């Protein structure tokens, strides 16, 4: 059984990564704390966001309320000179990332650790086994996957129970309904965390011109 969290979580990526605009660390910290004050208890970040700066922002913001919130972060990329050079989910890399993320997040445990993208060079069983070792060491509480296929989920789950999947899902991105992900979640008791539920801004009503 996974953690219980607010129905609406806070995806922190866009604060300083992924879009054209960024806000300062101080502004991000204030915004995250304002979300906590409004009842949000689930915060999502990743090593690759920044890289590294997003986790640092989340860690500073949530340190005073750490026991009231659930923090999710992710591994899965090789980062050289501040840029991703491809996928890397080797077990030794997973353990290095977890230790580094713990420091940036100013915490002694990661509530939910996702594989950010499936690495075809590393069997998912090895990935699940590595995260399982981190769970038994007390560094991680729950194992997640982002954008896997249904069969990958089943293979991982057989080694280490998968708590949550993070897949894109919105009114115009319906993949989980047709690719077996929703059905697999129901069958195995896995939570689904939809990312970009507002279509990366297109479903907010803010964009009205054809351009």
N, C-alpha and C. Protein backbone atom coordinates (compact mmCIF):
# COMPACT_ATOMS: atom_id res chain seq x y z
N UNK A 1 0.85 -1.20 0.00
CA UNK A 1 0.00 0.00 0.00
C UNK A 1 0.89 1.25 0.00
N UNK A 2 0.56 2.17 -0.85
CA UNK A 2 1.36 3.38 -0.96
C UNK A 2 0.89 4.47 -0.02
N UNK A 3 1.58 5.59 -0.03
CA UNK A 3 1.21 6.71 0.84
C UNK A 3 -0.08 7.36 0.37
N UNK A 4 -0.81 7.94 1.30
CA UNK A 4 -1.99 8.72 0.94
C UNK A 4 -1.57 10.17 0.78
N UNK A 5 -1.95 10.77 -0.34
CA UNK A 5 -1.54 12.13 -0.64
C UNK A 5 -2.74 12.96 -1.09
N UNK A 6 -2.54 14.26 -1.17
CA UNK A 6 -3.59 15.15 -1.66
C UNK A 6 -3.96 14.77 -3.09
N UNK A 7 -5.21 14.95 -3.44
CA UNK A 7 -5.68 14.59 -4.78
C UNK A 7 -4.92 15.35 -5.86
N UNK A 8 -4.57 16.60 -5.57
CA UNK A 8 -3.78 17.41 -6.49
C UNK A 8 -2.38 17.54 -5.93
N UNK A 9 -1.41 17.06 -6.69
CA UNK A 9 -0.02 17.19 -6.30
C UNK A 9 0.62 18.37 -7.00
N UNK A 10 1.86 18.66 -6.62
CA UNK A 10 2.59 19.79 -7.19
C UNK A 10 3.75 19.23 -8.00
N UNK A 11 3.65 19.33 -9.33
CA UNK A 11 4.77 18.98 -10.19
C UNK A 11 5.71 20.16 -10.27
N UNK A 12 6.92 20.04 -9.72
CA UNK A 12 7.79 21.19 -9.55
C UNK A 12 8.68 21.48 -10.76
N UNK A 13 8.68 20.60 -11.75
CA UNK A 13 9.59 20.75 -12.88
C UNK A 13 9.58 22.15 -13.48
N UNK A 14 8.39 22.66 -13.78
CA UNK A 14 8.27 23.91 -14.51
C UNK A 14 8.74 25.14 -13.77
N UNK A 15 9.04 25.02 -12.49
CA UNK A 15 9.51 26.19 -11.75
C UNK A 15 10.82 26.71 -12.31
N UNK A 16 11.72 25.78 -12.70
CA UNK A 16 13.00 26.25 -13.24
C UNK A 16 13.56 25.36 -14.34
N UNK A 17 12.68 24.55 -14.97
CA UNK A 17 13.17 23.63 -15.99
C UNK A 17 12.03 23.26 -16.94
N UNK A 18 12.36 23.10 -18.21
CA UNK A 18 11.41 22.53 -19.14
C UNK A 18 10.60 23.53 -19.95
N UNK A 19 10.50 24.76 -19.47
CA UNK A 19 9.74 25.77 -20.18
C UNK A 19 10.62 27.01 -20.37
N UNK A 20 10.13 27.96 -21.16
CA UNK A 20 10.94 29.13 -21.49
C UNK A 20 11.22 30.01 -20.29
N UNK A 21 10.29 30.06 -19.36
CA UNK A 21 10.45 30.95 -18.21
C UNK A 21 10.88 30.18 -16.97
N UNK A 22 11.61 30.86 -16.11
CA UNK A 22 12.03 30.29 -14.83
C UNK A 22 11.74 31.31 -13.74
N UNK A 23 11.59 30.80 -12.51
CA UNK A 23 11.51 31.71 -11.38
C UNK A 23 12.74 31.48 -10.50
N UNK A 24 13.01 32.41 -9.63
CA UNK A 24 14.19 32.29 -8.77
C UNK A 24 13.96 31.22 -7.71
N UNK A 25 15.05 30.80 -7.09
CA UNK A 25 14.94 29.81 -6.03
C UNK A 25 14.06 30.33 -4.91
N UNK A 26 14.24 31.59 -4.52
CA UNK A 26 13.44 32.15 -3.44
C UNK A 26 11.96 32.16 -3.80
N UNK A 27 11.65 32.51 -5.06
CA UNK A 27 10.25 32.51 -5.49
C UNK A 27 9.68 31.09 -5.48
N UNK A 28 10.50 30.13 -5.92
CA UNK A 28 10.05 28.74 -5.93
C UNK A 28 9.79 28.21 -4.53
N UNK A 29 10.69 28.52 -3.61
CA UNK A 29 10.51 28.10 -2.22
C UNK A 29 9.21 28.67 -1.65
N UNK A 30 8.97 29.95 -1.91
CA UNK A 30 7.74 30.58 -1.40
C UNK A 30 6.50 29.94 -2.01
N UNK A 31 6.56 29.63 -3.30
CA UNK A 31 5.40 29.04 -3.98
C UNK A 31 5.11 27.64 -3.44
N UNK A 32 6.16 26.84 -3.26
CA UNK A 32 5.97 25.48 -2.73
C UNK A 32 5.40 25.53 -1.32
N UNK A 33 5.91 26.44 -0.51
CA UNK A 33 5.37 26.54 0.87
C UNK A 33 3.93 27.03 0.87
N UNK A 34 3.58 27.89 -0.08
CA UNK A 34 2.19 28.33 -0.19
C UNK A 34 1.29 27.16 -0.55
N UNK A 35 1.79 26.25 -1.39
CA UNK A 35 1.01 25.06 -1.74
C UNK A 35 0.77 24.19 -0.52
N UNK A 36 1.81 24.03 0.30
CA UNK A 36 1.66 23.25 1.55
C UNK A 36 0.58 23.88 2.42
N UNK A 37 0.60 25.20 2.54
CA UNK A 37 -0.39 25.91 3.36
C UNK A 37 -1.81 25.69 2.85
N UNK A 38 -1.93 25.39 1.56
CA UNK A 38 -3.26 25.17 0.96
C UNK A 38 -3.63 23.70 0.89
N UNK A 39 -2.86 22.84 1.53
CA UNK A 39 -3.25 21.44 1.66
C UNK A 39 -2.60 20.47 0.71
N UNK A 40 -1.67 20.92 -0.12
CA UNK A 40 -0.96 20.00 -1.01
C UNK A 40 0.07 19.23 -0.19
N UNK A 41 0.09 17.90 -0.35
CA UNK A 41 1.05 17.09 0.41
C UNK A 41 1.96 16.25 -0.48
N UNK A 42 1.85 16.39 -1.79
CA UNK A 42 2.60 15.53 -2.72
C UNK A 42 3.39 16.42 -3.69
N UNK A 43 4.72 16.28 -3.66
CA UNK A 43 5.60 17.13 -4.45
C UNK A 43 6.53 16.27 -5.29
N UNK A 44 6.61 16.60 -6.58
CA UNK A 44 7.34 15.79 -7.54
C UNK A 44 8.50 16.58 -8.14
N UNK A 45 9.69 15.98 -8.13
CA UNK A 45 10.86 16.59 -8.72
C UNK A 45 11.68 15.50 -9.39
N UNK A 46 12.90 15.83 -9.84
CA UNK A 46 13.77 14.84 -10.46
C UNK A 46 15.19 15.39 -10.53
N UNK A 47 16.15 14.48 -10.54
CA UNK A 47 17.55 14.86 -10.67
C UNK A 47 17.78 15.70 -11.93
N UNK A 48 17.15 15.30 -13.03
CA UNK A 48 17.42 15.94 -14.33
C UNK A 48 16.85 17.34 -14.42
N UNK A 49 15.90 17.71 -13.55
CA UNK A 49 15.32 19.05 -13.61
C UNK A 49 16.36 20.05 -13.11
N UNK A 50 16.88 20.80 -14.01
CA UNK A 50 17.93 21.77 -13.69
C UNK A 50 19.12 21.61 -14.61
N UNK A 51 19.89 20.52 -14.49
CA UNK A 51 19.79 19.46 -13.49
C UNK A 51 20.12 19.96 -12.07
N UNK A 52 19.62 19.23 -11.13
CA UNK A 52 19.93 19.34 -9.70
C UNK A 52 19.24 20.50 -8.98
N UNK A 53 19.06 21.64 -9.66
CA UNK A 53 18.57 22.82 -8.96
C UNK A 53 17.14 22.66 -8.46
N UNK A 54 16.32 21.88 -9.17
CA UNK A 54 14.94 21.71 -8.76
C UNK A 54 14.85 20.95 -7.45
N UNK A 55 15.64 19.87 -7.33
CA UNK A 55 15.67 19.14 -6.06
C UNK A 55 16.13 20.03 -4.93
N UNK A 56 17.12 20.88 -5.18
CA UNK A 56 17.61 21.77 -4.12
C UNK A 56 16.51 22.74 -3.68
N UNK A 57 15.75 23.26 -4.64
CA UNK A 57 14.64 24.15 -4.32
C UNK A 57 13.58 23.45 -3.49
N UNK A 58 13.21 22.25 -3.92
CA UNK A 58 12.20 21.47 -3.20
C UNK A 58 12.69 21.12 -1.80
N UNK A 59 13.95 20.73 -1.70
CA UNK A 59 14.51 20.38 -0.39
C UNK A 59 14.46 21.53 0.58
N UNK A 60 14.86 22.71 0.12
CA UNK A 60 14.85 23.89 1.00
C UNK A 60 13.42 24.24 1.40
N UNK A 61 12.51 24.18 0.44
CA UNK A 61 11.13 24.58 0.71
C UNK A 61 10.45 23.66 1.72
N UNK A 62 10.72 22.35 1.61
CA UNK A 62 9.96 21.38 2.40
C UNK A 62 10.66 20.93 3.67
N UNK A 63 11.91 21.33 3.87
CA UNK A 63 12.63 20.91 5.08
C UNK A 63 11.86 21.21 6.37
N UNK A 64 11.24 22.39 6.50
CA UNK A 64 10.53 22.68 7.76
C UNK A 64 9.26 21.85 7.97
N UNK A 65 8.73 21.24 6.89
CA UNK A 65 7.47 20.50 7.00
C UNK A 65 7.65 19.06 6.50
N UNK A 66 8.88 18.56 6.57
CA UNK A 66 9.21 17.28 5.92
C UNK A 66 8.26 16.16 6.31
N UNK A 67 7.87 16.08 7.55
CA UNK A 67 7.05 14.95 7.99
C UNK A 67 5.58 15.09 7.60
N UNK A 68 5.22 16.21 6.99
CA UNK A 68 3.83 16.43 6.56
C UNK A 68 3.64 16.18 5.07
N UNK A 69 4.73 15.92 4.35
CA UNK A 69 4.63 15.85 2.90
C UNK A 69 5.26 14.56 2.36
N UNK A 70 4.91 14.25 1.12
CA UNK A 70 5.47 13.11 0.39
C UNK A 70 6.26 13.66 -0.79
N UNK A 71 7.52 13.26 -0.88
CA UNK A 71 8.40 13.76 -1.94
C UNK A 71 8.74 12.63 -2.90
N UNK A 72 8.51 12.89 -4.19
CA UNK A 72 8.89 11.95 -5.24
C UNK A 72 10.01 12.55 -6.06
N UNK A 73 11.01 11.74 -6.40
CA UNK A 73 12.04 12.17 -7.33
C UNK A 73 12.37 11.00 -8.25
N UNK A 74 13.32 11.23 -9.19
CA UNK A 74 13.53 10.26 -10.26
C UNK A 74 15.01 10.13 -10.62
N UNK A 75 15.36 8.94 -11.11
CA UNK A 75 16.69 8.67 -11.65
C UNK A 75 16.51 8.17 -13.09
N UNK A 76 17.63 8.05 -13.82
CA UNK A 76 17.51 7.38 -15.10
C UNK A 76 18.29 8.01 -16.24
N UNK A 77 18.90 9.17 -16.00
CA UNK A 77 19.69 9.81 -17.06
C UNK A 77 21.16 9.88 -16.66
N UNK A 78 22.03 9.89 -17.64
CA UNK A 78 23.44 10.17 -17.40
C UNK A 78 23.64 11.67 -17.64
N UNK A 79 24.19 12.35 -16.67
CA UNK A 79 24.33 13.80 -16.74
C UNK A 79 25.81 14.16 -16.77
N UNK A 80 26.22 14.84 -17.82
CA UNK A 80 27.61 15.27 -17.99
C UNK A 80 27.62 16.76 -18.28
N UNK A 81 28.39 17.50 -17.48
CA UNK A 81 28.51 18.96 -17.67
C UNK A 81 27.14 19.63 -17.74
N UNK A 82 26.24 19.18 -16.87
CA UNK A 82 24.94 19.83 -16.76
C UNK A 82 23.92 19.47 -17.81
N UNK A 83 24.23 18.44 -18.63
CA UNK A 83 23.27 18.05 -19.65
C UNK A 83 23.15 16.52 -19.71
N UNK A 84 21.97 16.06 -20.10
CA UNK A 84 21.75 14.63 -20.26
C UNK A 84 22.47 14.13 -21.50
N UNK A 85 23.18 13.03 -21.35
CA UNK A 85 23.83 12.40 -22.50
C UNK A 85 23.18 11.06 -22.84
N UNK A 86 21.99 10.83 -22.29
CA UNK A 86 21.30 9.58 -22.57
C UNK A 86 20.83 8.91 -21.30
N UNK A 87 20.30 7.72 -21.45
CA UNK A 87 19.75 6.98 -20.33
C UNK A 87 20.84 6.23 -19.57
N UNK A 88 20.63 6.04 -18.27
CA UNK A 88 21.55 5.25 -17.46
C UNK A 88 20.83 4.78 -16.20
N UNK A 89 20.37 3.54 -16.21
CA UNK A 89 19.71 2.96 -15.04
C UNK A 89 20.49 1.76 -14.51
N UNK A 90 21.81 1.78 -14.68
CA UNK A 90 22.61 0.71 -14.07
C UNK A 90 22.44 0.77 -12.55
N UNK A 91 22.40 -0.38 -11.88
CA UNK A 91 22.19 -0.37 -10.43
C UNK A 91 23.15 0.54 -9.67
N UNK A 92 24.43 0.56 -10.06
CA UNK A 92 25.37 1.41 -9.34
C UNK A 92 25.04 2.89 -9.53
N UNK A 93 24.54 3.23 -10.71
CA UNK A 93 24.15 4.61 -10.97
C UNK A 93 22.91 4.98 -10.15
N UNK A 94 21.95 4.07 -10.06
CA UNK A 94 20.74 4.33 -9.27
C UNK A 94 21.11 4.66 -7.83
N UNK A 95 22.03 3.91 -7.27
CA UNK A 95 22.43 4.12 -5.86
C UNK A 95 23.16 5.44 -5.69
N UNK A 96 23.98 5.82 -6.68
CA UNK A 96 24.66 7.11 -6.62
C UNK A 96 23.65 8.26 -6.66
N UNK A 97 22.69 8.15 -7.56
CA UNK A 97 21.68 9.20 -7.69
C UNK A 97 20.86 9.33 -6.41
N UNK A 98 20.48 8.21 -5.83
CA UNK A 98 19.68 8.25 -4.61
C UNK A 98 20.42 8.99 -3.50
N UNK A 99 21.69 8.68 -3.32
CA UNK A 99 22.46 9.35 -2.27
C UNK A 99 22.58 10.85 -2.53
N UNK A 100 22.81 11.21 -3.79
CA UNK A 100 22.94 12.63 -4.13
C UNK A 100 21.59 13.34 -3.95
N UNK A 101 20.51 12.69 -4.36
CA UNK A 101 19.19 13.29 -4.21
C UNK A 101 18.83 13.50 -2.75
N UNK A 102 19.16 12.55 -1.91
CA UNK A 102 18.89 12.69 -0.48
C UNK A 102 19.54 13.96 0.07
N UNK A 103 20.77 14.24 -0.34
CA UNK A 103 21.46 15.44 0.14
C UNK A 103 20.79 16.70 -0.38
N UNK A 104 20.47 16.71 -1.67
CA UNK A 104 19.85 17.92 -2.23
C UNK A 104 18.47 18.15 -1.63
N UNK A 105 17.75 17.09 -1.33
CA UNK A 105 16.40 17.20 -0.78
C UNK A 105 16.39 17.41 0.74
N UNK A 106 17.58 17.38 1.34
CA UNK A 106 17.71 17.63 2.79
C UNK A 106 16.85 16.66 3.61
N UNK A 107 16.93 15.40 3.26
CA UNK A 107 16.07 14.42 3.92
C UNK A 107 16.81 13.12 4.10
N UNK A 108 16.26 12.24 4.92
CA UNK A 108 16.89 10.93 5.16
C UNK A 108 16.18 9.81 4.40
N UNK A 109 15.12 10.16 3.65
CA UNK A 109 14.43 9.14 2.85
C UNK A 109 13.70 9.80 1.70
N UNK A 110 13.63 9.08 0.58
CA UNK A 110 12.85 9.48 -0.58
C UNK A 110 11.55 8.69 -0.52
N UNK A 111 10.42 9.37 -0.48
CA UNK A 111 9.15 8.67 -0.30
C UNK A 111 8.80 7.82 -1.52
N UNK A 112 9.07 8.33 -2.71
CA UNK A 112 8.75 7.62 -3.94
C UNK A 112 9.86 7.88 -4.95
N UNK A 113 10.55 6.82 -5.36
CA UNK A 113 11.66 6.94 -6.31
C UNK A 113 11.26 6.29 -7.61
N UNK A 114 11.16 7.12 -8.66
CA UNK A 114 10.77 6.63 -9.98
C UNK A 114 11.99 6.39 -10.86
N UNK A 115 11.90 5.38 -11.73
CA UNK A 115 12.76 5.35 -12.91
C UNK A 115 12.13 6.32 -13.90
N UNK A 116 12.92 7.32 -14.33
CA UNK A 116 12.35 8.41 -15.13
C UNK A 116 11.94 7.94 -16.52
N UNK A 117 12.77 7.13 -17.14
CA UNK A 117 12.43 6.50 -18.42
C UNK A 117 13.08 5.12 -18.46
N UNK A 118 12.41 4.19 -19.07
CA UNK A 118 12.92 2.83 -19.16
C UNK A 118 14.21 2.83 -19.97
N UNK A 119 15.24 2.16 -19.46
CA UNK A 119 16.54 2.06 -20.11
C UNK A 119 16.63 0.69 -20.78
N UNK A 120 16.58 0.64 -22.12
CA UNK A 120 16.59 -0.66 -22.79
C UNK A 120 17.89 -1.44 -22.60
N UNK A 121 18.95 -0.76 -22.13
CA UNK A 121 20.23 -1.43 -21.93
C UNK A 121 20.31 -2.15 -20.59
N UNK A 122 19.35 -1.92 -19.70
CA UNK A 122 19.37 -2.52 -18.36
C UNK A 122 18.06 -3.25 -18.12
N UNK A 123 18.10 -4.55 -17.88
CA UNK A 123 16.85 -5.29 -17.61
C UNK A 123 16.08 -4.65 -16.45
N UNK A 124 14.78 -4.53 -16.63
CA UNK A 124 13.97 -3.87 -15.60
C UNK A 124 14.04 -4.63 -14.28
N UNK A 125 14.32 -5.92 -14.34
CA UNK A 125 14.47 -6.69 -13.10
C UNK A 125 15.66 -6.20 -12.28
N UNK A 126 16.73 -5.80 -12.96
CA UNK A 126 17.90 -5.27 -12.25
C UNK A 126 17.59 -3.90 -11.63
N UNK A 127 16.83 -3.10 -12.36
CA UNK A 127 16.42 -1.80 -11.84
C UNK A 127 15.56 -1.99 -10.59
N UNK A 128 14.58 -2.87 -10.68
CA UNK A 128 13.70 -3.13 -9.53
C UNK A 128 14.49 -3.66 -8.35
N UNK A 129 15.45 -4.53 -8.63
CA UNK A 129 16.27 -5.08 -7.55
C UNK A 129 17.09 -4.02 -6.86
N UNK A 130 17.64 -3.08 -7.63
CA UNK A 130 18.45 -2.01 -7.04
C UNK A 130 17.61 -1.10 -6.16
N UNK A 131 16.41 -0.75 -6.64
CA UNK A 131 15.54 0.09 -5.82
C UNK A 131 15.08 -0.68 -4.58
N UNK A 132 14.85 -1.98 -4.74
CA UNK A 132 14.50 -2.80 -3.58
C UNK A 132 15.57 -2.77 -2.51
N UNK A 133 16.83 -2.78 -2.92
CA UNK A 133 17.93 -2.69 -1.95
C UNK A 133 17.91 -1.35 -1.23
N UNK A 134 17.61 -0.28 -1.96
CA UNK A 134 17.51 1.04 -1.33
C UNK A 134 16.34 1.09 -0.34
N UNK A 135 15.25 0.41 -0.68
CA UNK A 135 14.11 0.36 0.23
C UNK A 135 14.49 -0.37 1.51
N UNK A 136 15.17 -1.49 1.36
CA UNK A 136 15.57 -2.26 2.55
C UNK A 136 16.62 -1.53 3.38
N UNK A 137 17.37 -0.63 2.74
CA UNK A 137 18.36 0.17 3.46
C UNK A 137 17.72 1.38 4.14
N UNK A 138 16.42 1.61 3.89
CA UNK A 138 15.73 2.73 4.51
C UNK A 138 15.88 4.06 3.80
N UNK A 139 16.55 4.06 2.64
CA UNK A 139 16.75 5.32 1.91
C UNK A 139 15.56 5.69 1.04
N UNK A 140 14.79 4.69 0.65
CA UNK A 140 13.62 4.89 -0.22
C UNK A 140 12.45 4.14 0.40
N UNK A 141 11.25 4.68 0.25
CA UNK A 141 10.07 4.01 0.80
C UNK A 141 9.26 3.27 -0.26
N UNK A 142 9.16 3.84 -1.48
CA UNK A 142 8.33 3.23 -2.51
C UNK A 142 8.98 3.36 -3.88
N UNK A 143 8.68 2.41 -4.75
CA UNK A 143 9.26 2.28 -6.10
C UNK A 143 8.22 2.67 -7.13
N UNK A 144 8.64 3.50 -8.09
CA UNK A 144 7.74 3.90 -9.16
C UNK A 144 8.42 3.84 -10.52
N UNK A 145 7.60 3.90 -11.57
CA UNK A 145 8.09 3.93 -12.95
C UNK A 145 7.37 5.05 -13.69
N UNK A 146 8.09 5.70 -14.63
CA UNK A 146 7.49 6.75 -15.44
C UNK A 146 7.51 6.35 -16.91
N UNK A 147 6.36 6.38 -17.52
CA UNK A 147 6.16 6.04 -18.94
C UNK A 147 6.64 4.64 -19.33
N UNK A 148 6.39 3.62 -18.51
CA UNK A 148 6.73 2.26 -18.94
C UNK A 148 5.58 1.67 -19.76
N UNK A 149 5.86 0.58 -20.44
CA UNK A 149 4.80 -0.21 -21.04
C UNK A 149 4.24 -1.19 -20.02
N UNK A 150 3.07 -1.73 -20.30
CA UNK A 150 2.40 -2.60 -19.34
C UNK A 150 3.23 -3.84 -19.00
N UNK A 151 3.88 -4.44 -19.99
CA UNK A 151 4.67 -5.64 -19.70
C UNK A 151 5.88 -5.32 -18.85
N UNK A 152 6.46 -4.16 -19.06
CA UNK A 152 7.59 -3.73 -18.22
C UNK A 152 7.14 -3.60 -16.77
N UNK A 153 5.95 -3.05 -16.57
CA UNK A 153 5.41 -2.91 -15.22
C UNK A 153 5.28 -4.27 -14.56
N UNK A 154 4.76 -5.22 -15.29
CA UNK A 154 4.57 -6.56 -14.71
C UNK A 154 5.90 -7.21 -14.34
N UNK A 155 6.89 -7.06 -15.20
CA UNK A 155 8.21 -7.65 -14.91
C UNK A 155 8.85 -6.99 -13.70
N UNK A 156 8.75 -5.68 -13.60
CA UNK A 156 9.31 -4.98 -12.45
C UNK A 156 8.58 -5.36 -11.16
N UNK A 157 7.26 -5.39 -11.24
CA UNK A 157 6.42 -5.65 -10.07
C UNK A 157 6.68 -7.03 -9.49
N UNK A 158 7.08 -7.98 -10.34
CA UNK A 158 7.36 -9.33 -9.87
C UNK A 158 8.62 -9.38 -9.02
N UNK A 159 9.50 -8.38 -9.17
CA UNK A 159 10.75 -8.33 -8.40
C UNK A 159 10.61 -7.44 -7.17
N UNK A 160 10.05 -6.26 -7.36
CA UNK A 160 9.84 -5.30 -6.28
C UNK A 160 8.51 -4.62 -6.53
N UNK A 161 7.56 -4.69 -5.57
CA UNK A 161 6.24 -4.11 -5.83
C UNK A 161 6.31 -2.65 -6.27
N UNK A 162 5.62 -2.36 -7.36
CA UNK A 162 5.56 -1.00 -7.89
C UNK A 162 4.39 -0.29 -7.21
N UNK A 163 4.67 0.86 -6.60
CA UNK A 163 3.64 1.62 -5.90
C UNK A 163 2.87 2.54 -6.82
N UNK A 164 3.60 3.19 -7.75
CA UNK A 164 2.95 4.20 -8.58
C UNK A 164 3.59 4.26 -9.96
N UNK A 165 2.77 4.60 -10.94
CA UNK A 165 3.24 4.93 -12.28
C UNK A 165 2.96 6.40 -12.53
N UNK A 166 3.91 7.05 -13.19
CA UNK A 166 3.66 8.43 -13.63
C UNK A 166 3.68 8.44 -15.15
N UNK A 167 2.50 8.61 -15.73
CA UNK A 167 2.36 8.66 -17.18
C UNK A 167 1.60 9.92 -17.55
N UNK A 168 1.87 10.43 -18.76
CA UNK A 168 1.10 11.58 -19.22
C UNK A 168 -0.35 11.13 -19.46
N UNK A 169 -1.29 11.94 -18.96
CA UNK A 169 -2.70 11.56 -19.07
C UNK A 169 -3.53 12.83 -18.89
N UNK A 170 -4.32 13.15 -19.90
CA UNK A 170 -5.17 14.34 -19.82
C UNK A 170 -6.32 14.17 -20.81
N UNK A 171 -7.13 15.20 -20.93
CA UNK A 171 -8.27 15.13 -21.85
C UNK A 171 -7.83 14.90 -23.29
N UNK A 172 -6.59 15.27 -23.63
CA UNK A 172 -6.17 15.04 -25.02
C UNK A 172 -5.03 14.04 -25.13
N UNK A 173 -4.56 13.51 -24.03
CA UNK A 173 -3.54 12.45 -24.05
C UNK A 173 -4.13 11.24 -23.35
N UNK A 174 -4.70 10.31 -24.13
CA UNK A 174 -5.52 9.23 -23.56
C UNK A 174 -4.80 7.88 -23.54
N UNK A 175 -3.50 7.89 -23.79
CA UNK A 175 -2.77 6.64 -23.92
C UNK A 175 -3.02 5.60 -22.84
N UNK A 176 -2.99 5.99 -21.55
CA UNK A 176 -3.19 4.98 -20.51
C UNK A 176 -4.48 4.18 -20.63
N UNK A 177 -5.49 4.73 -21.33
CA UNK A 177 -6.75 4.02 -21.50
C UNK A 177 -6.64 2.90 -22.54
N UNK A 178 -5.71 3.08 -23.49
CA UNK A 178 -5.65 2.15 -24.63
C UNK A 178 -4.39 1.28 -24.65
N UNK A 179 -3.38 1.66 -23.90
CA UNK A 179 -2.12 0.90 -23.96
C UNK A 179 -1.96 -0.10 -22.83
N UNK A 180 -3.02 -0.29 -22.04
CA UNK A 180 -2.98 -1.30 -20.98
C UNK A 180 -2.51 -0.79 -19.63
N UNK A 181 -2.10 0.48 -19.55
CA UNK A 181 -1.57 0.98 -18.29
C UNK A 181 -2.65 1.07 -17.20
N UNK A 182 -3.81 1.66 -17.53
CA UNK A 182 -4.87 1.75 -16.52
C UNK A 182 -5.32 0.38 -16.07
N UNK A 183 -5.46 -0.54 -17.01
CA UNK A 183 -5.90 -1.89 -16.66
C UNK A 183 -4.87 -2.59 -15.78
N UNK A 184 -3.60 -2.39 -16.07
CA UNK A 184 -2.55 -3.01 -15.26
C UNK A 184 -2.53 -2.42 -13.86
N UNK A 185 -2.72 -1.10 -13.76
CA UNK A 185 -2.78 -0.47 -12.44
C UNK A 185 -3.92 -1.05 -11.60
N UNK A 186 -5.08 -1.19 -12.23
CA UNK A 186 -6.22 -1.74 -11.49
C UNK A 186 -5.94 -3.18 -11.04
N UNK A 187 -5.38 -3.98 -11.93
CA UNK A 187 -5.14 -5.38 -11.63
C UNK A 187 -4.11 -5.56 -10.51
N UNK A 188 -3.05 -4.76 -10.54
CA UNK A 188 -1.95 -4.95 -9.60
C UNK A 188 -2.02 -4.03 -8.38
N UNK A 189 -3.01 -3.14 -8.35
CA UNK A 189 -3.14 -2.24 -7.21
C UNK A 189 -2.09 -1.15 -7.19
N UNK A 190 -1.75 -0.63 -8.37
CA UNK A 190 -0.74 0.41 -8.51
C UNK A 190 -1.42 1.75 -8.72
N UNK A 191 -0.92 2.79 -8.07
CA UNK A 191 -1.48 4.12 -8.24
C UNK A 191 -1.01 4.75 -9.54
N UNK A 192 -1.86 5.57 -10.16
CA UNK A 192 -1.47 6.30 -11.36
C UNK A 192 -1.38 7.79 -11.02
N UNK A 193 -0.22 8.36 -11.30
CA UNK A 193 -0.01 9.80 -11.11
C UNK A 193 0.05 10.43 -12.50
N UNK A 194 -1.02 11.07 -12.96
CA UNK A 194 -1.01 11.66 -14.30
C UNK A 194 -0.14 12.92 -14.31
N UNK A 195 0.80 13.00 -15.26
CA UNK A 195 1.52 14.26 -15.39
C UNK A 195 0.98 15.04 -16.59
N UNK A 196 1.17 16.35 -16.54
CA UNK A 196 0.60 17.27 -17.54
C UNK A 196 -0.90 17.05 -17.71
N UNK A 197 -1.66 17.02 -16.61
CA UNK A 197 -3.11 16.78 -16.73
C UNK A 197 -3.85 17.93 -17.41
N UNK A 198 -3.20 19.09 -17.49
CA UNK A 198 -3.80 20.23 -18.20
C UNK A 198 -3.14 20.42 -19.56
N UNK A 199 -2.60 19.35 -20.13
CA UNK A 199 -2.06 19.41 -21.48
C UNK A 199 -0.92 20.40 -21.62
N UNK A 200 -0.06 20.48 -20.59
CA UNK A 200 1.10 21.39 -20.61
C UNK A 200 0.66 22.84 -20.85
N UNK A 201 -0.49 23.17 -20.31
CA UNK A 201 -0.98 24.54 -20.40
C UNK A 201 -2.04 24.77 -21.45
N UNK A 202 -2.16 23.87 -22.41
CA UNK A 202 -3.10 24.09 -23.50
C UNK A 202 -4.56 23.94 -23.07
N UNK A 203 -4.80 23.25 -21.97
CA UNK A 203 -6.18 23.03 -21.53
C UNK A 203 -6.60 24.00 -20.43
N UNK A 204 -5.81 25.04 -20.20
CA UNK A 204 -6.14 26.01 -19.13
C UNK A 204 -6.98 27.17 -19.65
N UNK A 205 -7.14 27.26 -20.98
CA UNK A 205 -7.87 28.39 -21.53
C UNK A 205 -7.01 29.61 -21.79
N UNK A 206 -5.72 29.49 -21.46
CA UNK A 206 -4.82 30.64 -21.61
C UNK A 206 -4.40 30.87 -23.05
N UNK A 207 -4.46 29.81 -23.86
CA UNK A 207 -3.99 29.93 -25.24
C UNK A 207 -5.21 29.91 -26.17
N UNK A 208 -5.47 31.06 -26.76
CA UNK A 208 -6.71 31.20 -27.52
C UNK A 208 -6.51 31.40 -29.02
N UNK A 209 -5.33 31.85 -29.42
CA UNK A 209 -5.10 32.07 -30.85
C UNK A 209 -4.58 30.80 -31.50
N UNK A 210 -4.73 30.70 -32.80
CA UNK A 210 -4.26 29.52 -33.49
C UNK A 210 -2.75 29.35 -33.40
N UNK A 211 -2.02 30.45 -33.24
CA UNK A 211 -0.58 30.34 -33.13
C UNK A 211 -0.17 29.59 -31.88
